Amino acid sequence: AEIVAIQALSFIAGDPERLGLFLAETGIGPETLRSSAADPQFLISVLNFVLRDDATAKTFADSVELHPTNIAAALQVLEDKPWERDTP
């Protein structure tokens, strides 16, 4: 899941217009982009950004040779929080 999110971040960074929109939405600056990639919450925001538009999701999926549903699956894995009952 993290690899898909990092690929999505690279995809976003590859297009100045898309990157500008993403930075504006997240409120982070270009100087903190690389360090933010280690934060699971940031990676969730990357995948949410890609998935909010079908055309963007399809273009990204095609660029990394993934089925678009794999992007949603990666997001679900990153968002999955352990249930209290699962904690010993």
N, C-alpha and C. Protein backbone atom coordinates (compact mmCIF):
# COMPACT_ATOMS: atom_id res chain seq x y z
N ALA A 1 0.83 -1.19 0.00
CA ALA A 1 0.00 0.00 0.00
C ALA A 1 0.87 1.26 0.00
N GLU A 2 1.95 1.21 0.79
CA GLU A 2 2.83 2.37 0.83
C GLU A 2 3.50 2.61 -0.51
N ILE A 3 3.84 1.53 -1.20
CA ILE A 3 4.49 1.67 -2.50
C ILE A 3 3.54 2.32 -3.50
N VAL A 4 2.28 1.90 -3.48
CA VAL A 4 1.30 2.51 -4.38
C VAL A 4 1.16 4.00 -4.07
N ALA A 5 1.13 4.34 -2.78
CA ALA A 5 1.00 5.75 -2.39
C ALA A 5 2.23 6.56 -2.82
N ILE A 6 3.40 5.99 -2.68
CA ILE A 6 4.63 6.69 -3.11
C ILE A 6 4.63 6.85 -4.63
N GLN A 7 4.17 5.83 -5.35
CA GLN A 7 4.05 5.95 -6.81
C GLN A 7 3.06 7.06 -7.17
N ALA A 8 1.97 7.14 -6.41
CA ALA A 8 0.97 8.19 -6.65
C ALA A 8 1.57 9.56 -6.38
N LEU A 9 2.37 9.68 -5.35
CA LEU A 9 3.03 10.95 -5.05
C LEU A 9 3.97 11.35 -6.18
N SER A 10 4.70 10.41 -6.69
CA SER A 10 5.59 10.67 -7.82
C SER A 10 4.79 11.09 -9.05
N PHE A 11 3.66 10.45 -9.27
CA PHE A 11 2.76 10.80 -10.37
C PHE A 11 2.26 12.24 -10.22
N ILE A 12 1.85 12.60 -9.02
CA ILE A 12 1.37 13.96 -8.75
C ILE A 12 2.50 14.96 -8.99
N ALA A 13 3.69 14.65 -8.49
CA ALA A 13 4.82 15.56 -8.60
C ALA A 13 5.28 15.73 -10.05
N GLY A 14 4.95 14.78 -10.91
CA GLY A 14 5.36 14.84 -12.30
C GLY A 14 4.58 15.83 -13.15
N ASP A 15 3.52 16.39 -12.60
CA ASP A 15 2.69 17.35 -13.34
C ASP A 15 2.57 18.62 -12.50
N PRO A 16 3.21 19.73 -12.92
CA PRO A 16 3.21 20.95 -12.10
C PRO A 16 1.81 21.44 -11.70
N GLU A 17 0.85 21.34 -12.61
CA GLU A 17 -0.51 21.80 -12.27
C GLU A 17 -1.13 20.91 -11.20
N ARG A 18 -1.00 19.60 -11.38
CA ARG A 18 -1.53 18.65 -10.40
C ARG A 18 -0.82 18.82 -9.06
N LEU A 19 0.48 19.02 -9.09
CA LEU A 19 1.24 19.22 -7.86
C LEU A 19 0.79 20.48 -7.14
N GLY A 20 0.57 21.53 -7.89
CA GLY A 20 0.10 22.78 -7.28
C GLY A 20 -1.23 22.60 -6.58
N LEU A 21 -2.16 21.90 -7.22
CA LEU A 21 -3.46 21.63 -6.60
C LEU A 21 -3.30 20.81 -5.33
N PHE A 22 -2.45 19.79 -5.40
CA PHE A 22 -2.23 18.93 -4.24
C PHE A 22 -1.62 19.71 -3.08
N LEU A 23 -0.61 20.51 -3.36
CA LEU A 23 0.02 21.29 -2.29
C LEU A 23 -0.96 22.28 -1.68
N ALA A 24 -1.78 22.89 -2.52
CA ALA A 24 -2.77 23.84 -2.02
C ALA A 24 -3.79 23.15 -1.11
N GLU A 25 -4.19 21.96 -1.50
CA GLU A 25 -5.18 21.21 -0.71
C GLU A 25 -4.61 20.73 0.62
N THR A 26 -3.39 20.25 0.59
CA THR A 26 -2.81 19.68 1.81
C THR A 26 -2.21 20.74 2.71
N GLY A 27 -1.87 21.89 2.14
CA GLY A 27 -1.28 22.95 2.93
C GLY A 27 0.19 22.76 3.24
N ILE A 28 0.81 21.78 2.61
CA ILE A 28 2.25 21.61 2.84
C ILE A 28 3.01 22.32 1.73
N GLY A 29 4.26 22.60 2.01
CA GLY A 29 5.10 23.26 1.02
C GLY A 29 5.95 22.26 0.27
N PRO A 30 6.44 22.65 -0.90
CA PRO A 30 7.27 21.73 -1.69
C PRO A 30 8.51 21.26 -0.93
N GLU A 31 8.99 22.09 0.00
CA GLU A 31 10.20 21.72 0.75
C GLU A 31 9.95 20.59 1.74
N THR A 32 8.72 20.36 2.14
CA THR A 32 8.42 19.29 3.11
C THR A 32 7.79 18.07 2.46
N LEU A 33 7.67 18.10 1.15
CA LEU A 33 7.02 17.00 0.43
C LEU A 33 7.72 15.67 0.67
N ARG A 34 9.01 15.65 0.53
CA ARG A 34 9.77 14.40 0.69
C ARG A 34 9.68 13.86 2.11
N SER A 35 9.83 14.70 3.10
CA SER A 35 9.77 14.23 4.49
C SER A 35 8.36 13.80 4.87
N SER A 36 7.36 14.41 4.28
CA SER A 36 5.97 14.05 4.58
C SER A 36 5.62 12.65 4.08
N ALA A 37 6.36 12.17 3.11
CA ALA A 37 6.07 10.86 2.52
C ALA A 37 6.22 9.72 3.52
N ALA A 38 6.86 9.96 4.65
CA ALA A 38 7.00 8.92 5.67
C ALA A 38 5.79 8.86 6.60
N ASP A 39 4.88 9.81 6.49
CA ASP A 39 3.71 9.89 7.36
C ASP A 39 2.54 9.15 6.73
N PRO A 40 2.02 8.10 7.39
CA PRO A 40 0.90 7.34 6.83
C PRO A 40 -0.33 8.22 6.54
N GLN A 41 -0.60 9.22 7.36
CA GLN A 41 -1.74 10.10 7.11
C GLN A 41 -1.54 10.91 5.82
N PHE A 42 -0.31 11.29 5.57
CA PHE A 42 0.00 12.01 4.33
C PHE A 42 -0.22 11.09 3.13
N LEU A 43 0.22 9.84 3.24
CA LEU A 43 0.04 8.90 2.15
C LEU A 43 -1.45 8.66 1.86
N ILE A 44 -2.26 8.66 2.90
CA ILE A 44 -3.71 8.55 2.73
C ILE A 44 -4.22 9.74 1.93
N SER A 45 -3.72 10.93 2.25
CA SER A 45 -4.17 12.12 1.52
C SER A 45 -3.74 12.07 0.06
N VAL A 46 -2.59 11.47 -0.22
CA VAL A 46 -2.11 11.32 -1.60
C VAL A 46 -3.09 10.44 -2.38
N LEU A 47 -3.45 9.29 -1.81
CA LEU A 47 -4.35 8.39 -2.50
C LEU A 47 -5.75 8.97 -2.62
N ASN A 48 -6.21 9.66 -1.61
CA ASN A 48 -7.51 10.32 -1.70
C ASN A 48 -7.53 11.35 -2.82
N PHE A 49 -6.44 12.08 -2.97
CA PHE A 49 -6.33 13.08 -4.03
C PHE A 49 -6.44 12.42 -5.41
N VAL A 50 -5.74 11.33 -5.59
CA VAL A 50 -5.77 10.63 -6.88
C VAL A 50 -7.15 10.04 -7.15
N LEU A 51 -7.77 9.50 -6.12
CA LEU A 51 -9.04 8.80 -6.30
C LEU A 51 -10.25 9.72 -6.43
N ARG A 52 -10.10 10.97 -6.10
CA ARG A 52 -11.28 11.85 -6.13
C ARG A 52 -11.75 12.14 -7.55
N ASP A 53 -10.91 11.90 -8.53
CA ASP A 53 -11.26 12.14 -9.93
C ASP A 53 -10.99 10.86 -10.72
N ASP A 54 -12.02 10.34 -11.38
CA ASP A 54 -11.88 9.08 -12.12
C ASP A 54 -10.80 9.14 -13.19
N ALA A 55 -10.74 10.26 -13.90
CA ALA A 55 -9.74 10.38 -14.97
C ALA A 55 -8.32 10.36 -14.40
N THR A 56 -8.12 11.04 -13.29
CA THR A 56 -6.80 11.04 -12.65
C THR A 56 -6.44 9.65 -12.16
N ALA A 57 -7.40 8.98 -11.54
CA ALA A 57 -7.15 7.63 -11.03
C ALA A 57 -6.80 6.69 -12.18
N LYS A 58 -7.52 6.79 -13.29
CA LYS A 58 -7.24 5.91 -14.43
C LYS A 58 -5.88 6.23 -15.05
N THR A 59 -5.57 7.51 -15.18
CA THR A 59 -4.27 7.90 -15.75
C THR A 59 -3.13 7.40 -14.87
N PHE A 60 -3.27 7.56 -13.55
CA PHE A 60 -2.25 7.06 -12.63
C PHE A 60 -2.14 5.55 -12.73
N ALA A 61 -3.27 4.85 -12.68
CA ALA A 61 -3.26 3.38 -12.74
C ALA A 61 -2.58 2.89 -14.01
N ASP A 62 -2.91 3.53 -15.12
CA ASP A 62 -2.28 3.15 -16.39
C ASP A 62 -0.77 3.39 -16.36
N SER A 63 -0.36 4.49 -15.73
CA SER A 63 1.06 4.84 -15.72
C SER A 63 1.91 3.87 -14.90
N VAL A 64 1.30 3.21 -13.91
CA VAL A 64 2.05 2.26 -13.09
C VAL A 64 1.58 0.82 -13.30
N GLU A 65 0.75 0.65 -14.35
CA GLU A 65 0.26 -0.67 -14.74
C GLU A 65 -0.46 -1.39 -13.60
N LEU A 66 -1.39 -0.67 -12.96
CA LEU A 66 -2.24 -1.23 -11.92
C LEU A 66 -3.68 -1.15 -12.37
N HIS A 67 -4.50 -2.02 -11.84
CA HIS A 67 -5.94 -1.87 -12.04
C HIS A 67 -6.40 -0.77 -11.07
N PRO A 68 -7.28 0.11 -11.50
CA PRO A 68 -7.71 1.21 -10.62
C PRO A 68 -8.24 0.76 -9.26
N THR A 69 -8.82 -0.43 -9.18
CA THR A 69 -9.31 -0.89 -7.88
C THR A 69 -8.17 -1.14 -6.90
N ASN A 70 -6.96 -1.36 -7.42
CA ASN A 70 -5.81 -1.55 -6.52
C ASN A 70 -5.46 -0.27 -5.78
N ILE A 71 -5.77 0.87 -6.37
CA ILE A 71 -5.53 2.14 -5.68
C ILE A 71 -6.46 2.25 -4.48
N ALA A 72 -7.72 1.93 -4.69
CA ALA A 72 -8.69 1.96 -3.59
C ALA A 72 -8.34 0.93 -2.52
N ALA A 73 -7.85 -0.22 -2.94
CA ALA A 73 -7.45 -1.25 -1.98
C ALA A 73 -6.26 -0.77 -1.14
N ALA A 74 -5.31 -0.10 -1.78
CA ALA A 74 -4.16 0.44 -1.04
C ALA A 74 -4.63 1.47 -0.03
N LEU A 75 -5.57 2.32 -0.43
CA LEU A 75 -6.11 3.31 0.50
C LEU A 75 -6.77 2.63 1.68
N GLN A 76 -7.53 1.59 1.44
CA GLN A 76 -8.20 0.88 2.52
C GLN A 76 -7.20 0.28 3.49
N VAL A 77 -6.12 -0.28 2.98
CA VAL A 77 -5.08 -0.85 3.84
C VAL A 77 -4.47 0.24 4.72
N LEU A 78 -4.16 1.39 4.13
CA LEU A 78 -3.55 2.47 4.92
C LEU A 78 -4.51 3.04 5.95
N GLU A 79 -5.80 3.07 5.61
CA GLU A 79 -6.79 3.63 6.54
C GLU A 79 -7.21 2.65 7.62
N ASP A 80 -6.95 1.37 7.40
CA ASP A 80 -7.40 0.36 8.35
C ASP A 80 -6.79 0.59 9.72
N LYS A 81 -7.66 0.78 10.67
CA LYS A 81 -7.21 0.94 12.05
C LYS A 81 -7.62 -0.32 12.80
N PRO A 82 -6.76 -0.82 13.67
CA PRO A 82 -7.12 -2.04 14.39
C PRO A 82 -8.34 -1.81 15.31
N TRP A 83 -9.22 -2.75 15.31
CA TRP A 83 -10.37 -2.68 16.21
C TRP A 83 -9.91 -2.95 17.64
N GLU A 84 -10.61 -2.38 18.57
CA GLU A 84 -10.27 -2.58 19.98
C GLU A 84 -10.28 -4.05 20.31
N ARG A 85 -11.23 -4.81 19.75
CA ARG A 85 -11.32 -6.24 20.04
C ARG A 85 -10.10 -7.00 19.54
N ASP A 86 -9.36 -6.44 18.55
CA ASP A 86 -8.19 -7.09 18.01
C ASP A 86 -6.93 -6.82 18.82
N THR A 87 -7.04 -5.91 19.78
CA THR A 87 -5.90 -5.54 20.60
C THR A 87 -5.88 -6.43 21.84
N PRO A 88 -4.73 -7.07 22.09
CA PRO A 88 -4.67 -7.98 23.27
C PRO A 88 -4.79 -7.23 24.58
